[in-house]
């Protein structure tokens, strides 16, 4: 069963279709690291009633991103890589690693 098939019964008749892709990243220096660095990225959008776009996988054809006026599946790879929930979390983690561990100085 495709992951998107799980959405249809749960969303039938729902007017509110806001959703988020979420990514959490954790960095530690060792298994005993007392201060792990935790970064969080969220990409907000709306779940469409019908898939749109050819790219991506999973929920990408259903996740409409208002800021871009299209679904994640319709975005090119460079745009996704710059603005996705994963990109946001990675950028935040890099900043945390630079400030907490002095990386990149």
C-alpha atoms as a PDB file:
ATOM      1  CA  UNK A   1       0.000   0.000   0.000  1.00  0.00           C
ATOM      2  CA  UNK A   2       1.297   3.458  -0.886  1.00  0.00           C
ATOM      3  CA  UNK A   3       1.747   5.824   2.074  1.00  0.00           C
ATOM      4  CA  UNK A   4      -0.575   8.328   0.413  1.00  0.00           C
ATOM      5  CA  UNK A   5      -3.402   5.776   0.455  1.00  0.00           C
ATOM      6  CA  UNK A   6      -3.428   6.022   4.241  1.00  0.00           C
ATOM      7  CA  UNK A   7      -4.349   9.725   4.056  1.00  0.00           C
ATOM      8  CA  UNK A   8      -7.600   9.433   2.152  1.00  0.00           C
ATOM      9  CA  UNK A   9      -9.865   7.772   4.759  1.00  0.00           C
ATOM     10  CA  UNK A  10      -8.557   9.929   7.604  1.00  0.00           C
ATOM     11  CA  UNK A  11      -9.025  13.169   5.664  1.00  0.00           C
ATOM     12  CA  UNK A  12     -12.371  12.502   4.010  1.00  0.00           C
ATOM     13  CA  UNK A  13     -14.626  15.483   4.634  1.00  0.00           C
ATOM     14  CA  UNK A  14     -11.959  17.467   6.505  1.00  0.00           C
ATOM     15  CA  UNK A  15     -11.855  21.166   5.667  1.00  0.00           C
ATOM     16  CA  UNK A  16      -8.645  21.840   7.636  1.00  0.00           C
ATOM     17  CA  UNK A  17      -5.831  20.185   5.711  1.00  0.00           C
ATOM     18  CA  UNK A  18      -2.768  21.958   7.123  1.00  0.00           C
ATOM     19  CA  UNK A  19       0.216  19.686   7.599  1.00  0.00           C
ATOM     20  CA  UNK A  20       3.952  19.768   8.164  1.00  0.00           C
ATOM     21  CA  UNK A  21       6.962  17.789   7.110  1.00  0.00           C
ATOM     22  CA  UNK A  22       9.200  17.603  10.193  1.00  0.00           C
ATOM     23  CA  UNK A  23      12.867  16.694  10.630  1.00  0.00           C
ATOM     24  CA  UNK A  24      14.851  16.388  13.862  1.00  0.00           C
ATOM     25  CA  UNK A  25      18.629  15.944  13.796  1.00  0.00           C
ATOM     26  CA  UNK A  26      20.874  15.170  16.754  1.00  0.00           C
ATOM     27  CA  UNK A  27      24.659  15.423  16.940  1.00  0.00           C
ATOM     28  CA  UNK A  28      26.808  14.003  19.706  1.00  0.00           C
ATOM     29  CA  UNK A  29      30.567  13.843  20.120  1.00  0.00           C
ATOM     30  CA  UNK A  30      30.440  10.419  21.794  1.00  0.00           C
ATOM     31  CA  UNK A  31      27.972   7.998  23.344  1.00  0.00           C
ATOM     32  CA  UNK A  32      28.676   9.668  26.698  1.00  0.00           C
ATOM     33  CA  UNK A  33      28.206  13.243  25.425  1.00  0.00           C
ATOM     34  CA  UNK A  34      26.251  15.059  28.170  1.00  0.00           C
ATOM     35  CA  UNK A  35      25.097  17.835  25.816  1.00  0.00           C
ATOM     36  CA  UNK A  36      23.703  16.579  22.518  1.00  0.00           C
ATOM     37  CA  UNK A  37      22.884  19.197  19.919  1.00  0.00           C
ATOM     38  CA  UNK A  38      19.298  19.007  18.679  1.00  0.00           C
ATOM     39  CA  UNK A  39      18.029  20.768  15.553  1.00  0.00           C
ATOM     40  CA  UNK A  40      14.495  20.923  14.243  1.00  0.00           C
ATOM     41  CA  UNK A  41      13.072  21.830  10.834  1.00  0.00           C
ATOM     42  CA  UNK A  42       9.433  22.194   9.829  1.00  0.00           C
ATOM     43  CA  UNK A  43       8.044  22.755   6.318  1.00  0.00           C
ATOM     44  CA  UNK A  44       4.406  23.786   6.505  1.00  0.00           C
ATOM     45  CA  UNK A  45       1.845  23.231   3.809  1.00  0.00           C
ATOM     46  CA  UNK A  46      -1.571  21.836   3.005  1.00  0.00           C
ATOM     47  CA  UNK A  47      -2.638  18.362   1.979  1.00  0.00           C
ATOM     48  CA  UNK A  48      -4.368  18.379  -1.410  1.00  0.00           C
ATOM     49  CA  UNK A  49      -7.308  16.188  -2.340  1.00  0.00           C
ATOM     50  CA  UNK A  50      -5.572  14.979  -5.525  1.00  0.00           C
ATOM     51  CA  UNK A  51      -1.866  14.400  -6.207  1.00  0.00           C
ATOM     52  CA  UNK A  52       0.001  16.954  -8.351  1.00  0.00           C
ATOM     53  CA  UNK A  53       3.523  16.816  -9.743  1.00  0.00           C
ATOM     54  CA  UNK A  54       5.791  14.054 -10.944  1.00  0.00           C
ATOM     55  CA  UNK A  55       8.855  14.300  -8.710  1.00  0.00           C
ATOM     56  CA  UNK A  56       9.555  13.219  -5.174  1.00  0.00           C
ATOM     57  CA  UNK A  57       8.112  10.286  -3.285  1.00  0.00           C
ATOM     58  CA  UNK A  58       5.639   9.436  -0.536  1.00  0.00           C
ATOM     59  CA  UNK A  59       3.489  12.438   0.321  1.00  0.00           C
ATOM     60  CA  UNK A  60       5.329  14.896  -1.980  1.00  0.00           C
ATOM     61  CA  UNK A  61       2.525  14.935  -4.625  1.00  0.00           C
ATOM     62  CA  UNK A  62      -0.048  15.786  -1.925  1.00  0.00           C
ATOM     63  CA  UNK A  63       1.888  18.401   0.059  1.00  0.00           C
ATOM     64  CA  UNK A  64       1.141  21.868  -1.334  1.00  0.00           C
ATOM     65  CA  UNK A  65       3.595  24.570  -0.216  1.00  0.00           C
ATOM     66  CA  UNK A  66       1.827  27.969  -0.438  1.00  0.00           C
ATOM     67  CA  UNK A  67       5.116  29.920  -0.558  1.00  0.00           C
ATOM     68  CA  UNK A  68       5.971  28.166  -3.848  1.00  0.00           C
ATOM     69  CA  UNK A  69       2.437  27.770  -5.210  1.00  0.00           C
ATOM     70  CA  UNK A  70       2.877  24.061  -5.936  1.00  0.00           C
ATOM     71  CA  UNK A  71       3.373  20.661  -4.361  1.00  0.00           C
ATOM     72  CA  UNK A  72       6.726  19.372  -3.182  1.00  0.00           C
ATOM     73  CA  UNK A  73       6.603  16.890  -6.085  1.00  0.00           C
ATOM     74  CA  UNK A  74       6.547  19.800  -8.568  1.00  0.00           C
ATOM     75  CA  UNK A  75       9.638  21.499  -7.123  1.00  0.00           C
ATOM     76  CA  UNK A  76      13.072  20.985  -8.627  1.00  0.00           C
ATOM     77  CA  UNK A  77      15.735  19.267  -6.527  1.00  0.00           C
ATOM     78  CA  UNK A  78      17.710  22.469  -5.891  1.00  0.00           C
ATOM     79  CA  UNK A  79      14.658  24.232  -4.430  1.00  0.00           C
ATOM     80  CA  UNK A  80      13.765  21.238  -2.261  1.00  0.00           C
ATOM     81  CA  UNK A  81      17.348  20.929  -1.045  1.00  0.00           C
ATOM     82  CA  UNK A  82      17.425  24.613  -0.070  1.00  0.00           C
ATOM     83  CA  UNK A  83      14.017  24.948   1.619  1.00  0.00           C
ATOM     84  CA  UNK A  84      12.865  21.546   2.902  1.00  0.00           C
ATOM     85  CA  UNK A  85      12.400  20.499   6.508  1.00  0.00           C
ATOM     86  CA  UNK A  86      15.666  18.575   6.206  1.00  0.00           C
ATOM     87  CA  UNK A  87      17.504  21.637   4.874  1.00  0.00           C
ATOM     88  CA  UNK A  88      16.168  23.789   7.713  1.00  0.00           C
ATOM     89  CA  UNK A  89      17.214  21.249  10.353  1.00  0.00           C
ATOM     90  CA  UNK A  90      20.650  20.763   8.761  1.00  0.00           C
ATOM     91  CA  UNK A  91      21.301  24.520   8.658  1.00  0.00           C
ATOM     92  CA  UNK A  92      20.256  24.859  12.284  1.00  0.00           C
ATOM     93  CA  UNK A  93      22.461  21.927  13.324  1.00  0.00           C
ATOM     94  CA  UNK A  94      25.440  23.402  11.487  1.00  0.00           C
ATOM     95  CA  UNK A  95      24.967  26.666  13.391  1.00  0.00           C
ATOM     96  CA  UNK A  96      24.744  24.790  16.683  1.00  0.00           C
ATOM     97  CA  UNK A  97      27.906  22.829  15.897  1.00  0.00           C
ATOM     98  CA  UNK A  98      29.759  26.026  15.015  1.00  0.00           C
ATOM     99  CA  UNK A  99      28.728  27.837  18.187  1.00  0.00           C
ATOM    100  CA  UNK A 100      28.905  24.931  20.669  1.00  0.00           C
ATOM    101  CA  UNK A 101      31.888  23.040  19.290  1.00  0.00           C
ATOM    102  CA  UNK A 102      33.748  25.769  17.422  1.00  0.00           C
ATOM    103  CA  UNK A 103      33.495  23.954  14.103  1.00  0.00           C
ATOM    104  CA  UNK A 104      34.167  26.011  10.994  1.00  0.00           C
ATOM    105  CA  UNK A 105      35.920  28.851  12.819  1.00  0.00           C
END
